């Protein structure tokens, strides 16, 4: 089996298997970051909510909700915080709108019974207000590609593994000849 010693790929002494591993790791980390699109915004919104700064909560949640492809957990956190901020500002109508969007996006949503009593009452009120057919259909269609980064990572790993196998010989007799000891490669045909 051919060993890749001190192979130079892009001017670096790191071998091909190392580059493939680095590339797969980068794709995996990027995919994990893409799945958590609003972690920073929602953490900031929660921090401002705990400091009773409703306007800042609304700003951070709105930044999150403007992103595409949010997951169910992110939608629940965002609309819940938005509703609570509007309740704190005595803007019941806007809180109801946020809860309505939450219920349309996540029809089976059940609030935590330990939550703000006014919030709990509004959630129950909005559940009764929405027509049954409307509460079953999500307001935002589920976007395909939620697992896009998983497929990219798996494809990259397969391609990297295939490239390593090809370069390393891929099995019996499929690779380049190996040299034993101080053997010299033969000269090309027709050379002096």
N, C-alpha and C. Protein backbone atom coordinates (compact mmCIF):
# COMPACT_ATOMS: atom_id res chain seq x y z
N UNK A 1 0.83 -1.17 0.00
CA UNK A 1 0.00 0.00 0.00
C UNK A 1 0.88 1.24 0.00
N UNK A 2 0.53 2.18 -0.78
CA UNK A 2 1.30 3.41 -0.93
C UNK A 2 1.08 4.31 0.26
N UNK A 3 2.13 4.79 0.85
CA UNK A 3 2.03 5.74 1.94
C UNK A 3 2.30 7.13 1.39
N UNK A 4 1.47 8.06 1.79
CA UNK A 4 1.63 9.44 1.33
C UNK A 4 2.50 10.19 2.34
N UNK A 5 3.80 10.10 2.15
CA UNK A 5 4.73 10.80 3.04
C UNK A 5 5.07 12.15 2.44
N UNK A 6 4.95 13.18 3.27
CA UNK A 6 5.35 14.53 2.87
C UNK A 6 4.79 14.94 1.52
N UNK A 7 3.59 14.49 1.22
CA UNK A 7 3.00 14.90 -0.05
C UNK A 7 2.67 16.38 0.03
N UNK A 8 2.87 17.06 -1.05
CA UNK A 8 2.62 18.50 -1.07
C UNK A 8 1.32 18.77 -1.82
N UNK A 9 0.32 19.20 -1.08
CA UNK A 9 -0.94 19.60 -1.68
C UNK A 9 -1.11 21.07 -1.36
N UNK A 10 -1.20 21.85 -2.38
CA UNK A 10 -1.30 23.31 -2.25
C UNK A 10 -0.14 23.87 -1.43
N UNK A 11 1.03 23.31 -1.61
CA UNK A 11 2.23 23.84 -0.98
C UNK A 11 2.33 23.54 0.50
N UNK A 12 1.59 22.57 1.00
CA UNK A 12 1.62 22.25 2.42
C UNK A 12 2.10 20.82 2.61
N UNK A 13 2.81 20.54 3.68
CA UNK A 13 3.28 19.19 3.92
C UNK A 13 2.20 18.27 4.48
N UNK A 14 0.94 18.74 4.58
CA UNK A 14 -0.15 17.91 5.10
C UNK A 14 -0.62 16.98 3.99
N UNK A 15 -0.83 15.72 4.30
CA UNK A 15 -1.26 14.73 3.32
C UNK A 15 -2.73 14.88 2.95
N UNK A 16 -3.12 14.21 1.87
CA UNK A 16 -4.49 14.26 1.37
C UNK A 16 -5.51 13.80 2.40
N UNK A 17 -5.27 12.72 3.13
CA UNK A 17 -6.26 12.33 4.13
C UNK A 17 -6.51 13.44 5.16
N UNK A 18 -5.47 14.16 5.53
CA UNK A 18 -5.63 15.26 6.48
C UNK A 18 -6.47 16.37 5.88
N UNK A 19 -6.24 16.70 4.61
CA UNK A 19 -7.04 17.75 3.95
C UNK A 19 -8.49 17.33 3.86
N UNK A 20 -8.73 16.06 3.53
CA UNK A 20 -10.11 15.58 3.43
C UNK A 20 -10.80 15.68 4.78
N UNK A 21 -10.10 15.31 5.84
CA UNK A 21 -10.68 15.39 7.18
C UNK A 21 -10.98 16.82 7.57
N UNK A 22 -10.08 17.74 7.25
CA UNK A 22 -10.29 19.16 7.55
C UNK A 22 -11.49 19.68 6.79
N UNK A 23 -11.61 19.32 5.52
CA UNK A 23 -12.72 19.80 4.70
C UNK A 23 -14.05 19.28 5.24
N UNK A 24 -14.13 18.01 5.61
CA UNK A 24 -15.35 17.44 6.16
C UNK A 24 -15.70 18.13 7.48
N UNK A 25 -14.70 18.40 8.31
CA UNK A 25 -14.93 19.09 9.58
C UNK A 25 -15.49 20.49 9.36
N UNK A 26 -14.95 21.21 8.41
CA UNK A 26 -15.45 22.56 8.09
C UNK A 26 -16.89 22.49 7.62
N UNK A 27 -17.21 21.54 6.76
CA UNK A 27 -18.59 21.40 6.28
C UNK A 27 -19.53 21.06 7.42
N UNK A 28 -19.09 20.20 8.35
CA UNK A 28 -19.93 19.83 9.49
C UNK A 28 -20.18 21.04 10.39
N UNK A 29 -19.14 21.78 10.72
CA UNK A 29 -19.29 22.95 11.59
C UNK A 29 -20.18 23.98 10.93
N UNK A 30 -20.01 24.22 9.65
CA UNK A 30 -20.84 25.18 8.92
C UNK A 30 -22.29 24.71 8.94
N UNK A 31 -22.53 23.43 8.76
CA UNK A 31 -23.89 22.90 8.79
C UNK A 31 -24.54 23.07 10.15
N UNK A 32 -23.79 22.84 11.23
CA UNK A 32 -24.33 23.02 12.57
C UNK A 32 -24.67 24.48 12.81
N UNK A 33 -23.82 25.39 12.35
CA UNK A 33 -24.11 26.81 12.51
C UNK A 33 -25.33 27.21 11.71
N UNK A 34 -25.52 26.64 10.53
CA UNK A 34 -26.67 26.99 9.71
C UNK A 34 -27.96 26.52 10.36
N UNK A 35 -27.93 25.42 11.11
CA UNK A 35 -29.13 24.91 11.75
C UNK A 35 -29.57 25.80 12.90
N UNK A 36 -28.70 26.53 13.51
CA UNK A 36 -29.01 27.39 14.63
C UNK A 36 -28.92 28.84 14.19
N UNK A 37 -29.82 29.25 13.32
CA UNK A 37 -29.75 30.56 12.70
C UNK A 37 -29.97 31.71 13.66
N UNK A 38 -30.75 31.51 14.69
CA UNK A 38 -31.16 32.62 15.55
C UNK A 38 -30.66 32.51 16.99
N UNK A 39 -29.73 31.64 17.27
CA UNK A 39 -29.28 31.49 18.65
C UNK A 39 -28.82 32.81 19.26
N UNK A 40 -28.01 33.55 18.54
CA UNK A 40 -27.49 34.81 19.07
C UNK A 40 -28.61 35.82 19.28
N UNK A 41 -29.46 35.99 18.29
CA UNK A 41 -30.54 36.97 18.39
C UNK A 41 -31.50 36.64 19.52
N UNK A 42 -31.86 35.37 19.65
CA UNK A 42 -32.81 34.98 20.68
C UNK A 42 -32.19 35.05 22.08
N UNK A 43 -30.90 34.75 22.18
CA UNK A 43 -30.22 34.90 23.47
C UNK A 43 -30.20 36.37 23.90
N UNK A 44 -29.93 37.25 22.95
CA UNK A 44 -29.95 38.69 23.26
C UNK A 44 -31.36 39.14 23.62
N UNK A 45 -32.36 38.66 22.90
CA UNK A 45 -33.74 39.02 23.19
C UNK A 45 -34.13 38.57 24.60
N UNK A 46 -33.73 37.37 24.98
CA UNK A 46 -34.03 36.88 26.34
C UNK A 46 -33.33 37.72 27.39
N UNK A 47 -32.09 38.10 27.09
CA UNK A 47 -31.34 38.94 28.03
C UNK A 47 -32.06 40.27 28.24
N UNK A 48 -32.51 40.88 27.14
CA UNK A 48 -33.22 42.16 27.24
C UNK A 48 -34.60 41.97 27.89
N UNK A 49 -35.24 40.84 27.66
CA UNK A 49 -36.53 40.59 28.30
C UNK A 49 -36.35 40.53 29.81
N UNK A 50 -35.30 39.85 30.26
CA UNK A 50 -35.02 39.76 31.70
C UNK A 50 -34.65 41.11 32.31
N UNK A 51 -34.21 42.04 31.47
CA UNK A 51 -33.88 43.41 31.92
C UNK A 51 -35.05 44.37 31.70
N UNK A 52 -36.20 43.83 31.29
CA UNK A 52 -37.42 44.63 31.06
C UNK A 52 -37.22 45.70 30.00
N UNK A 53 -36.48 45.36 28.94
CA UNK A 53 -36.26 46.29 27.82
C UNK A 53 -37.00 45.75 26.60
N UNK A 54 -38.31 45.97 26.58
CA UNK A 54 -39.19 45.39 25.56
C UNK A 54 -38.84 45.81 24.15
N UNK A 55 -38.47 47.08 23.95
CA UNK A 55 -38.14 47.53 22.60
C UNK A 55 -36.93 46.77 22.03
N UNK A 56 -35.94 46.51 22.87
CA UNK A 56 -34.78 45.75 22.41
C UNK A 56 -35.14 44.30 22.12
N UNK A 57 -36.05 43.74 22.91
CA UNK A 57 -36.53 42.37 22.66
C UNK A 57 -37.15 42.30 21.27
N UNK A 58 -38.02 43.27 20.98
CA UNK A 58 -38.72 43.30 19.69
C UNK A 58 -37.72 43.43 18.55
N UNK A 59 -36.70 44.26 18.73
CA UNK A 59 -35.68 44.45 17.69
C UNK A 59 -34.93 43.14 17.40
N UNK A 60 -34.47 42.46 18.45
CA UNK A 60 -33.70 41.23 18.27
C UNK A 60 -34.55 40.10 17.71
N UNK A 61 -35.79 39.99 18.18
CA UNK A 61 -36.67 38.94 17.67
C UNK A 61 -37.01 39.20 16.20
N UNK A 62 -37.24 40.46 15.86
CA UNK A 62 -37.56 40.79 14.47
C UNK A 62 -36.40 40.44 13.55
N UNK A 63 -35.17 40.66 14.01
CA UNK A 63 -33.99 40.28 13.23
C UNK A 63 -34.00 38.78 12.97
N UNK A 64 -34.35 38.02 13.97
CA UNK A 64 -34.41 36.56 13.83
C UNK A 64 -35.51 36.16 12.85
N UNK A 65 -36.69 36.72 13.02
CA UNK A 65 -37.83 36.31 12.19
C UNK A 65 -37.68 36.71 10.73
N UNK A 66 -36.75 37.59 10.41
CA UNK A 66 -36.51 37.98 9.02
C UNK A 66 -35.64 36.96 8.28
N UNK A 67 -35.14 35.95 8.98
CA UNK A 67 -34.30 34.93 8.35
C UNK A 67 -35.17 33.82 7.78
N UNK A 68 -34.68 33.19 6.73
CA UNK A 68 -35.39 32.09 6.08
C UNK A 68 -35.06 30.76 6.75
N UNK A 69 -35.97 29.83 6.64
CA UNK A 69 -35.70 28.46 7.05
C UNK A 69 -35.58 28.24 8.54
N UNK A 70 -36.33 28.97 9.34
CA UNK A 70 -36.25 28.79 10.79
C UNK A 70 -36.92 27.48 11.19
N UNK A 71 -36.37 26.86 12.20
CA UNK A 71 -36.94 25.62 12.71
C UNK A 71 -38.09 25.91 13.67
N UNK A 72 -38.81 24.86 14.00
CA UNK A 72 -39.96 25.00 14.88
C UNK A 72 -39.56 25.57 16.25
N UNK A 73 -38.46 25.09 16.79
CA UNK A 73 -38.00 25.58 18.10
C UNK A 73 -37.67 27.06 18.07
N UNK A 74 -37.04 27.50 16.99
CA UNK A 74 -36.71 28.93 16.87
C UNK A 74 -37.97 29.77 16.73
N UNK A 75 -38.94 29.28 15.97
CA UNK A 75 -40.20 30.01 15.81
C UNK A 75 -40.93 30.14 17.15
N UNK A 76 -40.96 29.06 17.92
CA UNK A 76 -41.63 29.10 19.22
C UNK A 76 -40.94 30.12 20.13
N UNK A 77 -39.62 30.04 20.24
CA UNK A 77 -38.89 30.99 21.10
C UNK A 77 -39.11 32.42 20.66
N UNK A 78 -39.03 32.65 19.35
CA UNK A 78 -39.14 34.01 18.82
C UNK A 78 -40.52 34.60 19.06
N UNK A 79 -41.57 33.88 18.66
CA UNK A 79 -42.92 34.42 18.80
C UNK A 79 -43.34 34.52 20.28
N UNK A 80 -42.86 33.62 21.10
CA UNK A 80 -43.15 33.70 22.53
C UNK A 80 -42.54 34.97 23.12
N UNK A 81 -41.26 35.20 22.83
CA UNK A 81 -40.60 36.41 23.34
C UNK A 81 -41.26 37.67 22.79
N UNK A 82 -41.61 37.65 21.52
CA UNK A 82 -42.27 38.81 20.92
C UNK A 82 -43.61 39.09 21.62
N UNK A 83 -44.37 38.04 21.86
CA UNK A 83 -45.64 38.20 22.56
C UNK A 83 -45.44 38.76 23.96
N UNK A 84 -44.49 38.21 24.69
CA UNK A 84 -44.23 38.67 26.05
C UNK A 84 -43.78 40.13 26.06
N UNK A 85 -42.98 40.54 25.07
CA UNK A 85 -42.54 41.93 24.99
C UNK A 85 -43.72 42.86 24.75
N UNK A 86 -44.63 42.45 23.85
CA UNK A 86 -45.81 43.27 23.59
C UNK A 86 -46.75 43.31 24.80
N UNK A 87 -46.85 42.22 25.53
CA UNK A 87 -47.66 42.22 26.76
C UNK A 87 -47.06 43.21 27.75
N UNK A 88 -45.73 43.20 27.88
CA UNK A 88 -45.07 44.13 28.80
C UNK A 88 -45.29 45.58 28.39
N UNK A 89 -45.48 45.83 27.10
CA UNK A 89 -45.73 47.19 26.60
C UNK A 89 -47.22 47.53 26.58
N UNK A 90 -48.06 46.64 27.13
CA UNK A 90 -49.52 46.81 27.12
C UNK A 90 -50.07 46.94 25.70
N UNK A 91 -49.48 46.20 24.78
CA UNK A 91 -49.94 46.19 23.40
C UNK A 91 -50.55 44.80 23.13
N UNK A 92 -51.73 44.57 23.70
CA UNK A 92 -52.39 43.27 23.63
C UNK A 92 -52.66 42.84 22.19
N UNK A 93 -53.08 43.79 21.36
CA UNK A 93 -53.40 43.45 19.97
C UNK A 93 -52.16 42.88 19.25
N UNK A 94 -51.01 43.52 19.44
CA UNK A 94 -49.77 43.02 18.80
C UNK A 94 -49.35 41.68 19.40
N UNK A 95 -49.55 41.51 20.70
CA UNK A 95 -49.23 40.23 21.34
C UNK A 95 -50.11 39.13 20.75
N UNK A 96 -51.40 39.43 20.54
CA UNK A 96 -52.30 38.45 19.92
C UNK A 96 -51.85 38.10 18.51
N UNK A 97 -51.42 39.11 17.75
CA UNK A 97 -50.92 38.84 16.38
C UNK A 97 -49.72 37.91 16.40
N UNK A 98 -48.80 38.15 17.34
CA UNK A 98 -47.62 37.28 17.44
C UNK A 98 -48.02 35.87 17.83
N UNK A 99 -48.95 35.73 18.76
CA UNK A 99 -49.41 34.40 19.17
C UNK A 99 -50.14 33.71 18.02
N UNK A 100 -50.91 34.46 17.26
CA UNK A 100 -51.60 33.88 16.10
C UNK A 100 -50.58 33.33 15.10
N UNK A 101 -49.52 34.08 14.83
CA UNK A 101 -48.48 33.61 13.92
C UNK A 101 -47.80 32.36 14.48
N UNK A 102 -47.59 32.35 15.78
CA UNK A 102 -46.99 31.18 16.43
C UNK A 102 -47.88 29.96 16.24
N UNK A 103 -49.18 30.12 16.48
CA UNK A 103 -50.10 28.98 16.37
C UNK A 103 -50.27 28.51 14.92
N UNK A 104 -50.13 29.42 13.98
CA UNK A 104 -50.20 29.02 12.57
C UNK A 104 -48.94 28.27 12.16
N UNK A 105 -47.81 28.71 12.68
CA UNK A 105 -46.54 28.07 12.33
C UNK A 105 -46.35 26.74 13.06
N UNK A 106 -46.84 26.67 14.29
CA UNK A 106 -46.69 25.47 15.11
C UNK A 106 -48.06 25.14 15.71
N UNK A 107 -48.92 24.47 14.93
CA UNK A 107 -50.29 24.23 15.36
C UNK A 107 -50.44 23.47 16.68
N UNK A 108 -49.50 22.61 17.00
CA UNK A 108 -49.60 21.81 18.22
C UNK A 108 -48.90 22.48 19.41
N UNK A 109 -48.65 23.77 19.34
CA UNK A 109 -47.94 24.49 20.41
C UNK A 109 -48.72 24.44 21.72
N UNK A 110 -48.01 24.11 22.78
CA UNK A 110 -48.58 24.13 24.12
C UNK A 110 -47.63 24.93 25.01
N UNK A 111 -48.09 26.04 25.57
CA UNK A 111 -47.20 26.87 26.40
C UNK A 111 -46.87 26.18 27.72
N UNK A 112 -45.79 26.62 28.31
CA UNK A 112 -45.37 26.15 29.62
C UNK A 112 -46.33 26.74 30.66
N UNK A 113 -46.93 25.91 31.48
CA UNK A 113 -47.92 26.37 32.46
C UNK A 113 -47.31 27.30 33.52
N UNK A 114 -46.00 27.37 33.58
CA UNK A 114 -45.31 28.26 34.52
C UNK A 114 -45.13 29.66 33.94
N UNK A 115 -45.55 29.85 32.69
CA UNK A 115 -45.32 31.12 32.00
C UNK A 115 -46.23 32.23 32.54
N UNK A 116 -46.02 33.43 32.02
CA UNK A 116 -46.80 34.61 32.38
C UNK A 116 -48.30 34.30 32.22
N UNK A 117 -49.11 34.51 33.27
CA UNK A 117 -50.55 34.19 33.20
C UNK A 117 -51.28 34.93 32.07
N UNK A 118 -50.91 36.18 31.83
CA UNK A 118 -51.55 36.92 30.74
C UNK A 118 -51.22 36.29 29.40
N UNK A 119 -49.99 35.84 29.24
CA UNK A 119 -49.58 35.15 28.01
C UNK A 119 -50.38 33.86 27.84
N UNK A 120 -50.51 33.09 28.92
CA UNK A 120 -51.26 31.83 28.87
C UNK A 120 -52.71 32.08 28.46
N UNK A 121 -53.32 33.11 29.02
CA UNK A 121 -54.70 33.45 28.67
C UNK A 121 -54.82 33.83 27.20
N UNK A 122 -53.86 34.62 26.71
CA UNK A 122 -53.91 35.02 25.29
C UNK A 122 -53.73 33.83 24.35
N UNK A 123 -52.86 32.89 24.72
CA UNK A 123 -52.67 31.69 23.89
C UNK A 123 -53.98 30.91 23.81
N UNK A 124 -54.63 30.71 24.95
CA UNK A 124 -55.91 29.98 24.96
C UNK A 124 -56.96 30.73 24.15
N UNK A 125 -57.01 32.04 24.31
CA UNK A 125 -57.98 32.87 23.56
C UNK A 125 -57.75 32.72 22.06
N UNK A 126 -56.48 32.79 21.62
CA UNK A 126 -56.17 32.71 20.19
C UNK A 126 -56.43 31.31 19.64
N UNK A 127 -56.21 30.27 20.46
CA UNK A 127 -56.51 28.90 20.01
C UNK A 127 -58.00 28.75 19.72
N UNK A 128 -58.83 29.36 20.56
CA UNK A 128 -60.28 29.28 20.36
C UNK A 128 -60.72 30.14 19.18
N UNK A 129 -60.01 31.22 18.95
CA UNK A 129 -60.37 32.18 17.90
C UNK A 129 -60.06 31.66 16.50
N UNK A 130 -58.98 30.90 16.38
CA UNK A 130 -58.57 30.41 15.06
C UNK A 130 -59.51 29.30 14.60
N UNK A 131 -59.90 29.32 13.33
CA UNK A 131 -60.71 28.22 12.80
C UNK A 131 -59.90 26.93 12.83
N UNK A 132 -60.58 25.79 13.05
CA UNK A 132 -59.86 24.51 13.13
C UNK A 132 -59.02 24.21 11.89
N UNK A 133 -59.52 24.50 10.70
CA UNK A 133 -58.76 24.22 9.48
C UNK A 133 -57.50 25.08 9.42
N UNK A 134 -57.58 26.30 9.93
CA UNK A 134 -56.43 27.20 9.87
C UNK A 134 -55.35 26.80 10.86
N UNK A 135 -55.76 26.22 11.99
CA UNK A 135 -54.77 25.85 12.99
C UNK A 135 -53.99 24.60 12.61
N UNK A 136 -54.46 23.87 11.59
CA UNK A 136 -53.77 22.65 11.16
C UNK A 136 -52.70 22.99 10.12
N UNK A 137 -52.92 24.01 9.30
CA UNK A 137 -52.00 24.36 8.23
C UNK A 137 -51.00 25.39 8.77
N UNK A 138 -49.73 25.12 8.59
CA UNK A 138 -48.70 26.05 9.03
C UNK A 138 -48.69 27.28 8.14
N UNK A 139 -48.47 28.44 8.75
CA UNK A 139 -48.45 29.68 8.00
C UNK A 139 -47.23 29.74 7.08
N UNK A 140 -46.12 29.22 7.55
CA UNK A 140 -44.91 29.22 6.74
C UNK A 140 -44.69 27.80 6.25
N UNK A 141 -44.68 27.60 4.93
CA UNK A 141 -44.46 26.25 4.43
C UNK A 141 -43.09 25.75 4.85
N UNK A 142 -43.05 24.49 5.17
CA UNK A 142 -41.77 23.90 5.57
C UNK A 142 -40.86 23.87 4.37
N UNK A 143 -39.70 24.44 4.51
CA UNK A 143 -38.77 24.53 3.40
C UNK A 143 -37.94 23.27 3.32
N UNK A 144 -37.76 22.83 2.09
CA UNK A 144 -36.87 21.70 1.87
C UNK A 144 -35.45 22.22 2.04
N UNK A 145 -34.55 21.35 2.36
CA UNK A 145 -33.16 21.75 2.48
C UNK A 145 -32.74 21.93 3.93
N UNK A 146 -33.61 21.58 4.87
CA UNK A 146 -33.24 21.68 6.27
C UNK A 146 -32.07 20.77 6.59
N UNK A 147 -31.95 19.71 5.84
CA UNK A 147 -30.84 18.77 6.05
C UNK A 147 -29.80 18.92 4.95
N UNK A 148 -29.84 20.05 4.28
CA UNK A 148 -28.91 20.30 3.17
C UNK A 148 -27.47 20.12 3.60
N UNK A 149 -27.11 20.69 4.76
CA UNK A 149 -25.71 20.61 5.18
C UNK A 149 -25.31 19.20 5.55
N UNK A 150 -26.27 18.42 6.04
CA UNK A 150 -25.97 17.02 6.33
C UNK A 150 -25.61 16.30 5.04
N UNK A 151 -26.40 16.50 3.98
CA UNK A 151 -26.13 15.85 2.70
C UNK A 151 -24.83 16.35 2.09
N UNK A 152 -24.54 17.64 2.22
CA UNK A 152 -23.29 18.18 1.70
C UNK A 152 -22.12 17.54 2.44
N UNK A 153 -22.23 17.44 3.76
CA UNK A 153 -21.16 16.84 4.56
C UNK A 153 -20.95 15.38 4.21
N UNK A 154 -22.04 14.64 4.07
CA UNK A 154 -21.93 13.22 3.71
C UNK A 154 -21.35 13.04 2.31
N UNK A 155 -21.80 13.89 1.38
CA UNK A 155 -21.26 13.81 0.02
C UNK A 155 -19.78 14.13 -0.01
N UNK A 156 -19.40 15.15 0.76
CA UNK A 156 -17.99 15.53 0.82
C UNK A 156 -17.16 14.40 1.42
N UNK A 157 -17.68 13.78 2.47
CA UNK A 157 -16.96 12.67 3.09
C UNK A 157 -16.81 11.51 2.10
N UNK A 158 -17.86 11.22 1.35
CA UNK A 158 -17.79 10.14 0.37
C UNK A 158 -16.78 10.46 -0.73
N UNK A 159 -16.83 11.70 -1.22
CA UNK A 159 -15.87 12.09 -2.26
C UNK A 159 -14.44 12.07 -1.73
N UNK A 160 -14.27 12.57 -0.51
CA UNK A 160 -12.93 12.57 0.09
C UNK A 160 -12.42 11.16 0.29
N UNK A 161 -13.31 10.27 0.77
CA UNK A 161 -12.91 8.88 0.95
C UNK A 161 -12.57 8.22 -0.37
N UNK A 162 -13.37 8.54 -1.40
CA UNK A 162 -13.09 7.99 -2.73
C UNK A 162 -11.76 8.48 -3.27
N UNK A 163 -11.48 9.77 -3.07
CA UNK A 163 -10.21 10.34 -3.55
C UNK A 163 -9.03 9.70 -2.83
N UNK A 164 -9.17 9.50 -1.53
CA UNK A 164 -8.09 8.86 -0.77
C UNK A 164 -7.88 7.44 -1.27
N UNK A 165 -8.98 6.73 -1.52
CA UNK A 165 -8.87 5.35 -1.99
C UNK A 165 -8.19 5.29 -3.35
N UNK A 166 -8.55 6.20 -4.24
CA UNK A 166 -7.94 6.22 -5.58
C UNK A 166 -6.46 6.54 -5.48
N UNK A 167 -6.13 7.57 -4.70
CA UNK A 167 -4.72 7.96 -4.58
C UNK A 167 -3.89 6.93 -3.83
N UNK A 168 -4.52 6.20 -2.93
CA UNK A 168 -3.78 5.21 -2.15
C UNK A 168 -3.75 3.85 -2.84
N UNK A 169 -4.39 3.73 -3.96
CA UNK A 169 -4.33 2.46 -4.69
C UNK A 169 -5.65 1.75 -4.72
N UNK A 170 -6.55 2.05 -3.80
CA UNK A 170 -7.88 1.50 -3.82
C UNK A 170 -7.96 -0.01 -3.71
N UNK A 171 -6.95 -0.68 -3.30
CA UNK A 171 -7.05 -2.13 -3.15
C UNK A 171 -5.93 -2.84 -3.86
N UNK A 172 -6.20 -4.04 -4.34
CA UNK A 172 -5.17 -4.89 -4.92
C UNK A 172 -4.84 -4.45 -6.34
N UNK A 173 -3.64 -4.03 -6.53
CA UNK A 173 -3.12 -3.76 -7.86
C UNK A 173 -3.72 -2.55 -8.54
N UNK A 174 -4.53 -1.75 -7.88
CA UNK A 174 -5.17 -0.65 -8.57
C UNK A 174 -4.40 0.65 -8.49
N UNK A 175 -3.36 0.71 -7.70
CA UNK A 175 -2.67 1.98 -7.48
C UNK A 175 -1.38 2.06 -8.23
N UNK A 176 -0.69 3.14 -8.05
CA UNK A 176 0.61 3.30 -8.70
C UNK A 176 1.62 2.32 -8.10
N UNK A 177 2.65 2.01 -8.85
CA UNK A 177 3.65 1.06 -8.32
C UNK A 177 4.37 1.67 -7.12
N UNK A 178 4.72 0.82 -6.20
CA UNK A 178 5.49 1.27 -5.04
C UNK A 178 6.94 0.87 -5.23
N UNK A 179 7.81 1.66 -4.67
CA UNK A 179 9.24 1.39 -4.81
C UNK A 179 9.76 0.75 -3.53
N UNK A 180 10.63 -0.21 -3.68
CA UNK A 180 11.24 -0.88 -2.55
C UNK A 180 12.67 -0.41 -2.41
N UNK A 181 13.06 -0.04 -1.20
CA UNK A 181 14.45 0.33 -0.95
C UNK A 181 14.89 1.54 -1.76
N UNK A 182 16.03 1.38 -2.49
CA UNK A 182 16.60 2.48 -3.27
C UNK A 182 16.29 2.34 -4.75
N UNK A 183 15.20 1.73 -5.12
CA UNK A 183 14.86 1.55 -6.52
C UNK A 183 14.61 2.90 -7.17
N UNK A 184 14.92 2.96 -8.46
CA UNK A 184 14.73 4.18 -9.23
C UNK A 184 13.61 3.94 -10.23
N UNK A 185 12.79 4.96 -10.41
CA UNK A 185 11.72 4.85 -11.40
C UNK A 185 12.31 4.71 -12.79
N UNK A 186 11.67 3.93 -13.67
CA UNK A 186 12.20 3.80 -15.03
C UNK A 186 12.06 5.11 -15.79
N UNK A 187 12.94 5.32 -16.77
CA UNK A 187 12.86 6.50 -17.61
C UNK A 187 11.65 6.38 -18.53
N UNK A 188 11.07 7.52 -18.92
CA UNK A 188 9.95 7.47 -19.86
C UNK A 188 10.40 6.90 -21.19
N UNK A 189 9.48 6.31 -21.96
CA UNK A 189 9.84 5.74 -23.25
C UNK A 189 10.39 6.82 -24.20
N UNK A 190 11.40 6.48 -24.94
CA UNK A 190 11.99 7.36 -25.95
C UNK A 190 12.90 8.41 -25.37
N UNK A 191 13.29 8.36 -24.13
CA UNK A 191 14.20 9.36 -23.59
C UNK A 191 15.62 8.83 -23.61
N UNK A 192 16.62 9.70 -23.77
CA UNK A 192 18.02 9.23 -23.91
C UNK A 192 18.63 8.74 -22.64
